[in-house]
Amino acid sequence: MSKISGPLLDRIDIHIEVPAVKYKDLTGDTTGESSQKIRQRVNRARQIQLQRFAGEKVYCNAGMQSRQIKKYYKIEDGADQLLEIAIQQLGLSARAYDRILKVSRTIADLAESEIIQAEHISEAIQYRSLDRSLWLY
């Protein structure tokens, strides 16, 4: 981790650590969401994004520029305070801020929510785990 620079991490939308799966979990009976349901949800989110960006040179949330982020970032009242606190306390960069906005918009699309809610922002912030771990080194 100490060899990866902050500016490089800033250019990656989502980064999380994935712990090893315990043997008990591999052999257990619990099943997650089916691939078919996940595929349907992702395809629906892609359709939402294609409709949103019709007539623009952007095809998905990841391709948004600052102008589009401002235009399509509809947030519920008070949820922006969560993002402000995270930026200040975690010392995230302006580029990380933009990435969080784009990812939270995508999470809202997956939930078929036109408004970005605090839970969407919170989840997007969690996907910046390597930003936070840099402060440990």
C-alpha atoms as a PDB file:
ATOM      1  CA  MET A   1       0.000   0.000   0.000  1.00  0.00           C
ATOM      2  CA  SER A   2       2.778   2.422   0.761  1.00  0.00           C
ATOM      3  CA  LYS A   3       3.936   2.202  -2.876  1.00  0.00           C
ATOM      4  CA  ILE A   4       0.587   3.325  -4.305  1.00  0.00           C
ATOM      5  CA  SER A   5       0.292   7.084  -4.520  1.00  0.00           C
ATOM      6  CA  GLY A   6      -2.772   9.055  -3.514  1.00  0.00           C
ATOM      7  CA  PRO A   7      -3.109  10.642  -6.987  1.00  0.00           C
ATOM      8  CA  LEU A   8      -3.215   7.159  -8.540  1.00  0.00           C
ATOM      9  CA  LEU A   9      -5.912   5.986  -6.111  1.00  0.00           C
ATOM     10  CA  ASP A  10      -7.894   9.160  -6.842  1.00  0.00           C
ATOM     11  CA  ARG A  11      -8.331   7.949 -10.423  1.00  0.00           C
ATOM     12  CA  ILE A  12     -10.024   4.700  -9.372  1.00  0.00           C
ATOM     13  CA  ASP A  13     -13.772   4.952  -8.723  1.00  0.00           C
ATOM     14  CA  ILE A  14     -14.170   2.034  -6.341  1.00  0.00           C
ATOM     15  CA  HIS A  15     -11.562   0.377  -4.191  1.00  0.00           C
ATOM     16  CA  ILE A  16     -12.209  -1.939  -1.295  1.00  0.00           C
ATOM     17  CA  GLU A  17     -10.337  -4.631   0.525  1.00  0.00           C
ATOM     18  CA  VAL A  18     -11.835  -8.091   0.179  1.00  0.00           C
ATOM     19  CA  PRO A  19     -11.025 -10.413   3.061  1.00  0.00           C
ATOM     20  CA  ALA A  20     -10.481 -14.130   2.528  1.00  0.00           C
ATOM     21  CA  VAL A  21     -13.674 -16.182   2.675  1.00  0.00           C
ATOM     22  CA  LYS A  22     -13.883 -18.550   5.638  1.00  0.00           C
ATOM     23  CA  TYR A  23     -14.312 -22.242   4.918  1.00  0.00           C
ATOM     24  CA  LYS A  24     -17.577 -22.277   6.869  1.00  0.00           C
ATOM     25  CA  ASP A  25     -18.987 -19.608   4.566  1.00  0.00           C
ATOM     26  CA  LEU A  26     -17.893 -21.505   1.449  1.00  0.00           C
ATOM     27  CA  THR A  27     -19.643 -24.680   2.529  1.00  0.00           C
ATOM     28  CA  GLY A  28     -22.741 -23.087   4.064  1.00  0.00           C
ATOM     29  CA  ASP A  29     -26.273 -23.264   2.732  1.00  0.00           C
ATOM     30  CA  THR A  30     -26.885 -19.530   2.451  1.00  0.00           C
ATOM     31  CA  THR A  31     -27.228 -18.178  -1.054  1.00  0.00           C
ATOM     32  CA  GLY A  32     -27.041 -14.611  -2.212  1.00  0.00           C
ATOM     33  CA  GLU A  33     -28.956 -12.774  -4.867  1.00  0.00           C
ATOM     34  CA  SER A  34     -29.075 -14.705  -8.144  1.00  0.00           C
ATOM     35  CA  SER A  35     -26.962 -13.605 -11.088  1.00  0.00           C
ATOM     36  CA  GLN A  36     -30.131 -13.196 -13.133  1.00  0.00           C
ATOM     37  CA  LYS A  37     -31.600 -10.697 -10.651  1.00  0.00           C
ATOM     38  CA  ILE A  38     -28.329  -8.800 -10.462  1.00  0.00           C
ATOM     39  CA  ARG A  39     -28.139  -8.690 -14.271  1.00  0.00           C
ATOM     40  CA  GLN A  40     -31.694  -7.311 -14.447  1.00  0.00           C
ATOM     41  CA  ARG A  41     -30.901  -4.610 -11.885  1.00  0.00           C
ATOM     42  CA  VAL A  42     -27.695  -3.601 -13.677  1.00  0.00           C
ATOM     43  CA  ASN A  43     -29.422  -3.528 -17.074  1.00  0.00           C
ATOM     44  CA  ARG A  44     -32.183  -1.345 -15.636  1.00  0.00           C
ATOM     45  CA  ALA A  45     -29.599   1.068 -14.169  1.00  0.00           C
ATOM     46  CA  ARG A  46     -27.825   1.222 -17.541  1.00  0.00           C
ATOM     47  CA  GLN A  47     -31.140   2.053 -19.243  1.00  0.00           C
ATOM     48  CA  ILE A  48     -31.748   4.841 -16.722  1.00  0.00           C
ATOM     49  CA  GLN A  49     -28.301   6.260 -17.482  1.00  0.00           C
ATOM     50  CA  LEU A  50     -28.753   6.006 -21.256  1.00  0.00           C
ATOM     51  CA  GLN A  51     -32.046   7.891 -20.962  1.00  0.00           C
ATOM     52  CA  ARG A  52     -30.491  10.484 -18.651  1.00  0.00           C
ATOM     53  CA  PHE A  53     -27.636  11.221 -21.045  1.00  0.00           C
ATOM     54  CA  ALA A  54     -29.616  11.054 -24.300  1.00  0.00           C
ATOM     55  CA  GLY A  55     -28.272  13.729 -26.625  1.00  0.00           C
ATOM     56  CA  GLU A  56     -25.035  14.132 -24.672  1.00  0.00           C
ATOM     57  CA  LYS A  57     -21.625  12.613 -25.301  1.00  0.00           C
ATOM     58  CA  VAL A  58     -21.841  10.709 -22.017  1.00  0.00           C
ATOM     59  CA  TYR A  59     -23.238   7.195 -21.760  1.00  0.00           C
ATOM     60  CA  CYS A  60     -22.854   6.358 -18.087  1.00  0.00           C
ATOM     61  CA  ASN A  61     -22.293   8.039 -14.735  1.00  0.00           C
ATOM     62  CA  ALA A  62     -18.562   7.329 -14.760  1.00  0.00           C
ATOM     63  CA  GLY A  63     -18.168   9.551 -17.830  1.00  0.00           C
ATOM     64  CA  MET A  64     -19.772  12.623 -16.282  1.00  0.00           C
ATOM     65  CA  GLN A  65     -17.820  15.859 -16.219  1.00  0.00           C
ATOM     66  CA  SER A  66     -18.297  18.492 -13.498  1.00  0.00           C
ATOM     67  CA  ARG A  67     -21.091  20.182 -15.450  1.00  0.00           C
ATOM     68  CA  GLN A  68     -23.073  16.948 -15.708  1.00  0.00           C
ATOM     69  CA  ILE A  69     -22.450  16.027 -12.086  1.00  0.00           C
ATOM     70  CA  LYS A  70     -24.024  19.330 -11.023  1.00  0.00           C
ATOM     71  CA  LYS A  71     -26.916  18.815 -13.411  1.00  0.00           C
ATOM     72  CA  TYR A  72     -27.759  15.218 -12.451  1.00  0.00           C
ATOM     73  CA  TYR A  73     -26.774  15.131  -8.799  1.00  0.00           C
ATOM     74  CA  LYS A  74     -30.198  15.406  -7.147  1.00  0.00           C
ATOM     75  CA  ILE A  75     -29.759  14.792  -3.450  1.00  0.00           C
ATOM     76  CA  GLU A  76     -32.207  14.506  -0.575  1.00  0.00           C
ATOM     77  CA  ASP A  77     -32.219  17.334   1.945  1.00  0.00           C
ATOM     78  CA  GLY A  78     -29.482  16.980   4.534  1.00  0.00           C
ATOM     79  CA  ALA A  79     -27.665  14.087   2.842  1.00  0.00           C
ATOM     80  CA  ASP A  80     -24.967  16.416   1.538  1.00  0.00           C
ATOM     81  CA  GLN A  81     -23.864  17.018   5.134  1.00  0.00           C
ATOM     82  CA  LEU A  82     -22.767  13.374   5.322  1.00  0.00           C
ATOM     83  CA  LEU A  83     -20.526  13.893   2.320  1.00  0.00           C
ATOM     84  CA  GLU A  84     -19.144  17.143   3.722  1.00  0.00           C
ATOM     85  CA  ILE A  85     -18.232  15.459   7.009  1.00  0.00           C
ATOM     86  CA  ALA A  86     -16.571  12.558   5.194  1.00  0.00           C
ATOM     87  CA  ILE A  87     -14.513  14.866   2.983  1.00  0.00           C
ATOM     88  CA  GLN A  88     -13.336  16.908   5.959  1.00  0.00           C
ATOM     89  CA  GLN A  89     -12.664  14.063   8.384  1.00  0.00           C
ATOM     90  CA  LEU A  90     -11.082  11.672   5.884  1.00  0.00           C
ATOM     91  CA  GLY A  91      -9.148  14.388   4.089  1.00  0.00           C
ATOM     92  CA  LEU A  92     -10.379  13.256   0.669  1.00  0.00           C
ATOM     93  CA  SER A  93      -9.336  15.121  -2.456  1.00  0.00           C
ATOM     94  CA  ALA A  94     -11.540  17.002  -4.910  1.00  0.00           C
ATOM     95  CA  ARG A  95     -11.107  14.116  -7.344  1.00  0.00           C
ATOM     96  CA  ALA A  96     -12.270  11.618  -4.679  1.00  0.00           C
ATOM     97  CA  TYR A  97     -15.252  13.892  -4.037  1.00  0.00           C
ATOM     98  CA  ASP A  98     -16.242  13.695  -7.728  1.00  0.00           C
ATOM     99  CA  ARG A  99     -15.805   9.909  -7.692  1.00  0.00           C
ATOM    100  CA  ILE A 100     -18.068   9.606  -4.647  1.00  0.00           C
ATOM    101  CA  LEU A 101     -20.726  11.699  -6.379  1.00  0.00           C
ATOM    102  CA  LYS A 102     -20.609   9.524  -9.496  1.00  0.00           C
ATOM    103  CA  VAL A 103     -20.703   6.269  -7.549  1.00  0.00           C
ATOM    104  CA  SER A 104     -23.556   7.466  -5.319  1.00  0.00           C
ATOM    105  CA  ARG A 105     -25.513   8.411  -8.476  1.00  0.00           C
ATOM    106  CA  THR A 106     -24.946   4.854  -9.771  1.00  0.00           C
ATOM    107  CA  ILE A 107     -26.013   3.302  -6.462  1.00  0.00           C
ATOM    108  CA  ALA A 108     -29.192   5.389  -6.588  1.00  0.00           C
ATOM    109  CA  ASP A 109     -29.771   4.206 -10.178  1.00  0.00           C
ATOM    110  CA  LEU A 110     -29.400   0.578  -9.068  1.00  0.00           C
ATOM    111  CA  ALA A 111     -32.062   1.283  -6.440  1.00  0.00           C
ATOM    112  CA  GLU A 112     -34.152   3.022  -9.150  1.00  0.00           C
ATOM    113  CA  SER A 113     -34.148   6.198  -7.076  1.00  0.00           C
ATOM    114  CA  GLU A 114     -34.138   9.539  -8.870  1.00  0.00           C
ATOM    115  CA  ILE A 115     -32.971  11.259  -5.677  1.00  0.00           C
ATOM    116  CA  ILE A 116     -29.615  10.342  -4.148  1.00  0.00           C
ATOM    117  CA  GLN A 117     -30.219   9.462  -0.527  1.00  0.00           C
ATOM    118  CA  ALA A 118     -27.886   9.467   2.467  1.00  0.00           C
ATOM    119  CA  GLU A 119     -27.593   5.675   2.287  1.00  0.00           C
ATOM    120  CA  HIS A 120     -26.330   5.925  -1.312  1.00  0.00           C
ATOM    121  CA  ILE A 121     -23.701   8.479  -0.323  1.00  0.00           C
ATOM    122  CA  SER A 122     -22.712   6.418   2.696  1.00  0.00           C
ATOM    123  CA  GLU A 123     -22.200   3.317   0.554  1.00  0.00           C
ATOM    124  CA  ALA A 124     -20.149   5.265  -1.995  1.00  0.00           C
ATOM    125  CA  ILE A 125     -17.929   6.647   0.774  1.00  0.00           C
ATOM    126  CA  GLN A 126     -17.295   3.105   1.991  1.00  0.00           C
ATOM    127  CA  TYR A 127     -15.927   2.252  -1.458  1.00  0.00           C
ATOM    128  CA  ARG A 128     -13.069   4.697  -0.838  1.00  0.00           C
ATOM    129  CA  SER A 129     -11.477   2.448   1.792  1.00  0.00           C
ATOM    130  CA  LEU A 130      -7.978   2.686   0.326  1.00  0.00           C
ATOM    131  CA  ASP A 131      -8.077   6.477   0.640  1.00  0.00           C
ATOM    132  CA  ARG A 132      -8.627   6.035   4.357  1.00  0.00           C
ATOM    133  CA  SER A 133      -5.953   3.351   4.730  1.00  0.00           C
ATOM    134  CA  LEU A 134      -3.314   5.671   3.264  1.00  0.00           C
ATOM    135  CA  TRP A 135      -3.482   7.664   6.470  1.00  0.00           C
ATOM    136  CA  LEU A 136      -2.380   4.555   8.385  1.00  0.00           C
ATOM    137  CA  TYR A 137       0.985   4.296   6.603  1.00  0.00           C
END
